[in-house]
Amino acid sequence: MDKNSKIYIAGHRGLVGSAILKQLKAKGYTNFVFRTHAELDLVDGNAVGEFFAKEKPDYVFLAAAKVGGIVANNTYRGDFIYANLMIQNNVVHHSYLNGVKKLLFLGSTCIYPKECPQPMKEDYLLTDVLEYTNEPYAIAKIAGIKLCESYNLQYGTNYISVMPTNLYGPNDNFNLEKSHVLPALIRKMHLGKALERNDWTSIRADLKNRPIESVGETAEENEILQILSKYGVTKSDGNVSVEIWGSGKPMREFLWSEDMAEACVFIMENRNFEDTYEKGQKEIRNTHINIGTGKDVSIRELAETIKQLVDFEGVLKFNADKPDGTMKKLTDVSKLHDLGWKHNIELEEGISKMYEWYTT
């Protein structure tokens, strides 16, 4: 990429897109084109076509997606598969029609089978059934990989798919109904700490920035306590507890979002589609690239680490009646390492940085 090339980041305000934008700016790129969701609904094919015909970007980072945790994925199944299929179909197809030089499609490691051998290699894609709770989202992302592969093979485009592991970092989603586990735990324990200290100033400041459902900073204390209890932050007889879904046994891998962004920019600057598979193959498949750390931690260990770093002194209650999801999801990152990139930020440092960002 040339420093003056026109770059379109789809989803530039989200966790992934904002991290990529920050990384590109730090490297001296200056020519960006953006649209917020209100300005351009990527589900609308006609609107996407008009945008690409007008702007003619040289490079595209496809970071826009409809995302959420276990509850959201399992509840809004139709919304998740429809929106994600439409977004990626529209952006990839109109990138092709308008001569985009290179596109990076971002997916998720939930594409791998529920009982996938560990660590998960790229070649394990489509070898068994998916985890049920996020199957619609995963199928959409698998379709995105195959869409990019197929356009490359038929039309000679240069589209690369990357599959980041669980991401966390600045601009994460802290909505307790829809957030992923790490930001949800940080927020719950932050609120729990304030509750055990009777620090209503901090609680109201939190609700001012991020109301829970319709409960904001001006709500009565009793109403606030009720909504916090609904989401697992409870005070009883002076003791505060935080509920965590599942047994705490599942193992998860987490990658600092700005590390992910560095990997994405590295790949866009230095690697092409032809670098993602062995030459001479009769069948070219599984060309996507895992992006992760190759290290995992149990949800219980994660919660204990967050508890310590947030300075929450209450009780962690694991609700084993709630679903655990896949018991282990660890990426094999040897392909990424062979391509020349390795992560920098370890989990404890990343959680500290994220909590500092959240509270400032």
Protein backbone atom coordinates (compact mmCIF):
# COMPACT_ATOMS: atom_id res chain seq x y z
CA MET A 1 0.00 0.00 0.00
CA ASP A 2 1.17 3.50 -0.80
CA LYS A 3 0.83 6.06 1.97
CA ASN A 4 -1.53 8.10 -0.25
CA SER A 5 -3.68 5.16 -1.36
CA LYS A 6 -7.38 5.57 -0.66
CA ILE A 7 -8.33 3.18 2.14
CA TYR A 8 -11.87 2.26 3.15
CA ILE A 9 -12.35 0.78 6.61
CA ALA A 10 -15.81 -0.73 6.92
CA GLY A 11 -16.67 -0.56 10.60
CA HIS A 12 -14.12 2.10 11.53
CA ARG A 13 -15.84 2.94 14.83
CA GLY A 14 -15.88 -0.59 16.22
CA LEU A 15 -13.31 -2.45 18.26
CA VAL A 16 -11.59 -3.93 15.22
CA GLY A 17 -11.95 -1.07 12.75
CA SER A 18 -10.88 1.66 15.17
CA ALA A 19 -7.75 -0.30 16.08
CA ILE A 20 -6.87 -0.74 12.39
CA LEU A 21 -7.43 2.98 11.74
CA LYS A 22 -5.18 3.90 14.67
CA GLN A 23 -2.45 1.59 13.40
CA LEU A 24 -2.66 2.94 9.84
CA LYS A 25 -2.47 6.55 11.04
CA ALA A 26 0.56 5.70 13.18
CA LYS A 27 2.27 4.33 10.06
CA GLY A 28 1.63 7.51 8.08
CA TYR A 29 -1.43 6.64 5.99
CA THR A 30 -3.63 9.69 5.43
CA ASN A 31 -6.19 9.04 2.70
CA PHE A 32 -9.21 7.41 4.34
CA VAL A 33 -12.85 7.15 3.43
CA PHE A 34 -15.44 6.39 6.10
CA ARG A 35 -19.15 6.00 6.48
CA THR A 36 -20.99 5.48 9.74
CA HIS A 37 -23.80 2.94 9.87
CA ALA A 38 -26.28 5.83 9.78
CA GLU A 39 -24.63 7.15 6.61
CA LEU A 40 -24.27 3.79 4.85
CA ASP A 41 -26.12 0.60 5.71
CA LEU A 42 -23.87 -2.15 4.35
CA VAL A 43 -26.85 -4.52 4.24
CA ASP A 44 -28.28 -2.33 1.45
CA GLY A 45 -26.69 -3.54 -1.79
CA ASN A 46 -27.76 -0.53 -3.86
CA ALA A 47 -26.31 1.91 -1.32
CA VAL A 48 -23.05 -0.03 -1.15
CA GLY A 49 -22.81 -0.06 -4.95
CA GLU A 50 -23.31 3.71 -5.13
CA PHE A 51 -20.68 4.25 -2.43
CA PHE A 52 -18.01 2.18 -4.18
CA ALA A 53 -18.75 3.70 -7.59
CA LYS A 54 -18.36 7.19 -6.11
CA GLU A 55 -15.35 6.70 -3.82
CA LYS A 56 -13.31 4.05 -5.70
CA PRO A 57 -11.14 2.95 -2.75
CA ASP A 58 -7.81 1.24 -3.51
CA TYR A 59 -7.77 -0.93 -0.38
CA VAL A 60 -10.56 -2.24 1.85
CA PHE A 61 -10.54 -3.51 5.42
CA LEU A 62 -13.83 -5.33 5.95
CA ALA A 63 -14.20 -5.06 9.73
CA ALA A 64 -17.93 -4.33 9.81
CA ALA A 65 -20.11 -7.08 11.25
CA LYS A 66 -23.04 -7.76 13.51
CA VAL A 67 -21.41 -9.22 16.64
CA GLY A 68 -22.30 -10.26 20.18
CA GLY A 69 -21.80 -12.80 22.93
CA ILE A 70 -23.49 -16.15 23.57
CA VAL A 71 -26.84 -14.64 24.54
CA ALA A 72 -27.07 -12.31 21.55
CA ASN A 73 -25.90 -14.95 19.06
CA ASN A 74 -28.35 -17.54 20.32
CA THR A 75 -31.29 -15.13 20.64
CA TYR A 76 -30.98 -13.16 17.39
CA ARG A 77 -29.99 -16.05 15.12
CA GLY A 78 -31.80 -14.80 12.03
CA ASP A 79 -30.47 -11.27 12.43
CA PHE A 80 -26.89 -12.50 12.77
CA ILE A 81 -26.78 -14.73 9.72
CA TYR A 82 -28.71 -12.35 7.46
CA ALA A 83 -26.86 -9.15 8.36
CA ASN A 84 -23.39 -10.68 8.17
CA LEU A 85 -24.02 -12.46 4.88
CA MET A 86 -25.38 -9.29 3.32
CA ILE A 87 -22.58 -7.05 4.61
CA GLN A 88 -19.76 -9.22 3.31
CA ASN A 89 -21.49 -10.11 0.04
CA ASN A 90 -22.10 -6.45 -0.77
CA VAL A 91 -18.64 -5.19 0.18
CA VAL A 92 -16.70 -8.00 -1.51
CA HIS A 93 -18.76 -7.94 -4.71
CA HIS A 94 -18.60 -4.18 -5.15
CA SER A 95 -14.90 -4.20 -4.34
CA TYR A 96 -14.50 -6.53 -7.30
CA LEU A 97 -16.74 -4.46 -9.58
CA ASN A 98 -14.80 -1.28 -8.75
CA GLY A 99 -11.26 -2.60 -9.02
CA VAL A 100 -10.16 -2.65 -5.37
CA LYS A 101 -6.49 -3.72 -5.34
CA LYS A 102 -6.60 -5.69 -2.10
CA LEU A 103 -9.21 -6.50 0.54
CA LEU A 104 -8.83 -7.91 4.03
CA PHE A 105 -11.85 -9.78 5.37
CA LEU A 106 -12.04 -10.25 9.14
CA GLY A 107 -13.86 -13.26 10.51
CA SER A 108 -13.71 -15.16 13.79
CA THR A 109 -12.32 -18.41 15.16
CA CYS A 110 -15.89 -19.53 15.89
CA ILE A 111 -15.75 -20.87 12.30
CA TYR A 112 -14.09 -24.02 13.62
CA PRO A 113 -15.99 -27.14 14.74
CA LYS A 114 -17.31 -27.38 18.31
CA GLU A 115 -15.09 -30.39 19.04
CA CYS A 116 -12.18 -29.15 16.98
CA PRO A 117 -8.75 -30.67 17.68
CA GLN A 118 -6.56 -28.24 19.61
CA PRO A 119 -4.86 -26.02 18.74
CA MET A 120 -7.10 -25.19 15.79
CA LYS A 121 -5.31 -25.28 12.45
CA GLU A 122 -6.71 -23.57 9.37
CA ASP A 123 -7.11 -27.02 7.76
CA TYR A 124 -9.72 -28.02 10.39
CA LEU A 125 -12.36 -25.78 8.80
CA LEU A 126 -15.54 -27.69 7.80
CA THR A 127 -14.40 -30.98 9.32
CA ASP A 128 -17.25 -31.31 11.89
CA VAL A 129 -20.35 -29.62 13.32
CA LEU A 130 -20.27 -26.09 14.73
CA GLU A 131 -21.09 -24.85 18.23
CA TYR A 132 -24.88 -24.45 18.21
CA THR A 133 -25.17 -21.11 20.03
CA ASN A 134 -23.20 -19.17 17.41
CA GLU A 135 -23.76 -21.39 14.37
CA PRO A 136 -25.52 -18.71 12.23
CA TYR A 137 -22.71 -16.20 12.76
CA ALA A 138 -20.06 -18.84 12.11
CA ILE A 139 -21.72 -19.99 8.88
CA ALA A 140 -21.81 -16.40 7.65
CA LYS A 141 -18.09 -16.01 8.33
CA ILE A 142 -17.28 -19.30 6.62
CA ALA A 143 -19.22 -18.05 3.61
CA GLY A 144 -17.10 -14.88 3.71
CA ILE A 145 -13.89 -16.92 3.55
CA LYS A 146 -15.19 -18.92 0.61
CA LEU A 147 -16.45 -15.77 -1.09
CA CYS A 148 -12.97 -14.25 -0.99
CA GLU A 149 -11.32 -17.51 -2.10
CA SER A 150 -13.76 -17.96 -4.95
CA TYR A 151 -13.40 -14.42 -6.28
CA ASN A 152 -9.62 -14.78 -6.14
CA LEU A 153 -9.68 -18.06 -8.05
CA GLN A 154 -12.24 -16.97 -10.65
CA TYR A 155 -11.46 -13.27 -11.09
CA GLY A 156 -7.82 -12.98 -9.98
CA THR A 157 -8.62 -10.63 -7.11
CA ASN A 158 -6.34 -10.28 -4.08
CA TYR A 159 -8.61 -10.79 -1.08
CA ILE A 160 -7.23 -12.22 2.17
CA SER A 161 -9.26 -13.60 5.07
CA VAL A 162 -8.00 -13.44 8.63
CA MET A 163 -9.62 -15.09 11.64
CA PRO A 164 -8.80 -13.25 14.88
CA THR A 165 -9.28 -15.02 18.18
CA ASN A 166 -11.29 -13.34 20.96
CA LEU A 167 -10.40 -9.65 20.86
CA TYR A 168 -10.51 -7.00 23.56
CA GLY A 169 -9.33 -3.42 23.84
CA PRO A 170 -10.31 0.25 23.44
CA ASN A 171 -13.80 0.85 22.01
CA ASP A 172 -14.97 -2.60 23.05
CA ASN A 173 -18.67 -3.28 23.60
CA PHE A 174 -19.59 -3.04 27.29
CA ASN A 175 -23.34 -3.52 26.78
CA LEU A 176 -24.14 -6.20 29.37
CA GLU A 177 -26.80 -7.79 27.15
CA LYS A 178 -24.60 -8.17 24.09
CA SER A 179 -20.95 -7.86 25.11
CA HIS A 180 -18.35 -10.60 25.06
CA VAL A 181 -17.06 -12.13 28.26
CA LEU A 182 -13.97 -10.02 28.95
CA PRO A 183 -15.48 -6.51 28.69
CA ALA A 184 -18.61 -7.76 30.49
CA LEU A 185 -16.53 -9.01 33.41
CA ILE A 186 -14.56 -5.78 33.59
CA ARG A 187 -17.73 -3.72 33.75
CA LYS A 188 -19.49 -6.01 36.22
CA MET A 189 -16.54 -5.99 38.58
CA HIS A 190 -16.08 -2.23 38.22
CA LEU A 191 -19.72 -1.75 39.21
CA GLY A 192 -19.37 -4.39 41.91
CA LYS A 193 -16.39 -2.57 43.40
CA ALA A 194 -18.33 0.70 43.44
CA LEU A 195 -21.32 -1.05 45.01
CA GLU A 196 -19.30 -2.64 47.80
CA ARG A 197 -17.79 0.77 48.55
CA ASN A 198 -21.18 2.46 48.36
CA ASP A 199 -19.69 4.70 45.66
CA TRP A 200 -22.83 5.91 43.93
CA THR A 201 -20.93 8.66 42.15
CA SER A 202 -18.97 6.07 40.18
CA ILE A 203 -22.08 3.96 39.54
CA ARG A 204 -24.02 6.93 38.17
CA ALA A 205 -21.04 8.05 36.08
CA ASP A 206 -20.91 4.56 34.55
CA LEU A 207 -24.65 4.59 33.78
CA LYS A 208 -24.38 8.09 32.31
CA ASN A 209 -21.91 6.84 29.71
CA ARG A 210 -23.54 3.44 29.18
CA PRO A 211 -27.14 3.07 30.40
CA ILE A 212 -28.23 -0.50 31.11
CA GLU A 213 -31.40 -1.01 29.11
CA SER A 214 -33.28 2.22 29.98
CA VAL A 215 -31.67 2.73 33.38
CA GLY A 216 -29.34 5.72 33.43
CA GLU A 217 -27.61 8.01 35.89
CA THR A 218 -30.81 9.70 37.14
CA ALA A 219 -32.59 6.50 38.16
CA GLU A 220 -33.50 5.81 41.78
CA GLU A 221 -31.04 3.69 43.75
CA ASN A 222 -33.55 0.86 44.05
CA GLU A 223 -34.07 0.76 40.28
CA ILE A 224 -30.31 0.72 39.72
CA LEU A 225 -29.88 -2.13 42.18
CA GLN A 226 -32.60 -4.10 40.36
CA ILE A 227 -31.01 -3.71 36.94
CA LEU A 228 -27.56 -4.56 38.30
CA SER A 229 -29.00 -7.67 39.95
CA LYS A 230 -30.62 -8.67 36.66
CA TYR A 231 -27.16 -8.72 35.08
CA GLY A 232 -25.52 -10.54 37.96
CA VAL A 233 -24.15 -7.77 40.17
CA THR A 234 -25.87 -8.23 43.52
CA LYS A 235 -25.53 -6.76 47.00
CA SER A 236 -26.96 -8.69 49.93
CA ASP A 237 -26.27 -8.06 53.63
CA GLY A 238 -23.42 -5.78 52.65
CA ASN A 239 -21.74 -8.42 50.47
CA VAL A 240 -21.42 -7.98 46.72
CA SER A 241 -21.28 -10.85 44.23
CA VAL A 242 -20.79 -11.02 40.48
CA GLU A 243 -22.42 -13.86 38.55
CA ILE A 244 -20.53 -15.43 35.67
CA TRP A 245 -22.28 -17.68 33.17
CA GLY A 246 -21.10 -21.27 33.00
CA SER A 247 -18.77 -23.39 35.08
CA GLY A 248 -15.66 -21.29 34.56
CA LYS A 249 -13.90 -24.29 33.00
CA PRO A 250 -13.91 -23.32 29.29
CA MET A 251 -10.54 -22.22 27.96
CA ARG A 252 -10.32 -19.07 25.89
CA GLU A 253 -7.62 -17.21 24.01
CA PHE A 254 -7.59 -13.40 24.04
CA LEU A 255 -5.75 -10.97 21.77
CA TRP A 256 -5.25 -7.25 22.39
CA SER A 257 -7.11 -5.45 19.59
CA GLU A 258 -4.18 -3.20 18.70
CA ASP A 259 -1.98 -6.28 18.24
CA MET A 260 -4.64 -7.64 15.90
CA ALA A 261 -4.59 -4.36 13.97
CA GLU A 262 -0.82 -4.51 13.64
CA ALA A 263 -1.10 -8.02 12.23
CA CYS A 264 -3.77 -6.93 9.73
CA VAL A 265 -1.75 -3.99 8.47
CA PHE A 266 1.37 -6.17 8.25
CA ILE A 267 -0.50 -8.68 6.09
CA MET A 268 -1.95 -5.97 3.84
CA GLU A 269 1.45 -4.36 3.36
CA ASN A 270 3.54 -7.49 2.94
CA ARG A 271 1.51 -10.53 1.93
CA ASN A 272 -0.81 -11.51 -0.93
CA PHE A 273 -3.38 -14.24 -1.51
CA GLU A 274 -0.78 -16.44 -3.19
CA ASP A 275 1.20 -16.47 0.09
CA THR A 276 -1.66 -18.14 1.98
CA TYR A 277 -1.42 -21.61 0.44
CA GLU A 278 1.19 -24.07 -0.76
CA LYS A 279 2.02 -23.86 -4.43
CA GLY A 280 1.08 -26.72 -6.70
CA GLN A 281 -2.08 -27.68 -4.83
CA LYS A 282 -4.81 -29.13 -7.01
CA GLU A 283 -7.47 -27.81 -4.64
CA ILE A 284 -6.89 -24.40 -3.10
CA ARG A 285 -8.80 -24.10 0.16
CA ASN A 286 -8.38 -22.97 3.77
CA THR A 287 -6.40 -19.95 2.68
CA HIS A 288 -7.49 -17.93 5.72
CA ILE A 289 -5.01 -16.97 8.44
CA ASN A 290 -5.53 -17.40 12.17
CA ILE A 291 -4.56 -14.33 14.22
CA GLY A 292 -3.98 -14.99 17.89
CA THR A 293 -1.47 -15.59 20.65
CA GLY A 294 -1.45 -19.38 20.73
CA LYS A 295 -2.08 -19.16 24.52
CA ASP A 296 -5.31 -19.67 26.46
CA VAL A 297 -6.74 -19.28 29.96
CA SER A 298 -9.83 -20.63 31.72
CA ILE A 299 -12.79 -18.32 32.25
CA ARG A 300 -12.28 -18.81 35.99
CA GLU A 301 -8.63 -17.72 35.73
CA LEU A 302 -9.68 -14.78 33.57
CA ALA A 303 -12.27 -13.69 36.13
CA GLU A 304 -9.78 -13.97 38.99
CA THR A 305 -7.24 -11.90 37.06
CA ILE A 306 -9.80 -9.18 36.30
CA LYS A 307 -10.96 -9.23 39.94
CA GLN A 308 -7.42 -8.56 41.11
CA LEU A 309 -6.65 -5.85 38.55
CA VAL A 310 -9.98 -4.04 39.09
CA ASP A 311 -9.58 -4.39 42.88
CA PHE A 312 -12.98 -5.96 43.36
CA GLU A 313 -13.17 -7.73 46.73
CA GLY A 314 -16.53 -9.46 46.38
CA VAL A 315 -17.54 -12.99 45.45
CA LEU A 316 -17.45 -14.57 42.00
CA LYS A 317 -20.40 -16.91 41.47
CA PHE A 318 -20.23 -19.31 38.53
CA ASN A 319 -23.68 -20.32 37.29
CA ALA A 320 -23.20 -23.83 35.92
CA ASP A 321 -26.85 -23.91 34.77
CA LYS A 322 -25.92 -21.48 32.01
CA PRO A 323 -24.18 -22.65 28.80
CA ASP A 324 -20.40 -22.87 28.65
CA GLY A 325 -20.16 -22.84 24.89
CA THR A 326 -17.15 -24.58 23.35
CA MET A 327 -14.87 -25.92 26.09
CA LYS A 328 -11.60 -25.01 24.38
CA LYS A 329 -10.77 -22.66 21.51
CA LEU A 330 -7.05 -22.20 20.96
CA THR A 331 -5.68 -21.14 17.60
CA ASP A 332 -2.68 -22.63 15.90
CA VAL A 333 -0.78 -19.51 14.85
CA SER A 334 2.14 -21.22 13.11
CA LYS A 335 0.93 -20.01 9.70
CA LEU A 336 0.87 -16.42 10.96
CA HIS A 337 4.33 -16.79 12.50
CA ASP A 338 5.64 -18.24 9.23
CA LEU A 339 4.24 -15.19 7.44
CA GLY A 340 6.33 -13.00 9.75
CA TRP A 341 4.17 -11.67 12.63
CA LYS A 342 3.86 -12.45 16.38
CA HIS A 343 1.81 -10.76 19.14
CA ASN A 344 3.29 -8.28 21.65
CA ILE A 345 0.79 -7.66 24.49
CA GLU A 346 0.19 -10.38 27.09
CA LEU A 347 -3.21 -10.77 28.77
CA GLU A 348 -2.56 -9.18 32.18
CA GLU A 349 -1.00 -6.09 30.61
CA GLY A 350 -3.88 -5.84 28.16
CA ILE A 351 -6.56 -6.05 30.86
CA SER A 352 -4.81 -3.28 32.82
CA LYS A 353 -4.67 -1.08 29.73
CA MET A 354 -8.32 -1.78 28.93
CA TYR A 355 -9.55 -0.99 32.44
CA GLU A 356 -7.56 2.25 32.41
CA TRP A 357 -9.21 3.15 29.10
CA TYR A 358 -12.66 2.25 30.45
CA THR A 359 -12.36 4.42 33.54
CA THR A 360 -10.88 7.53 31.89
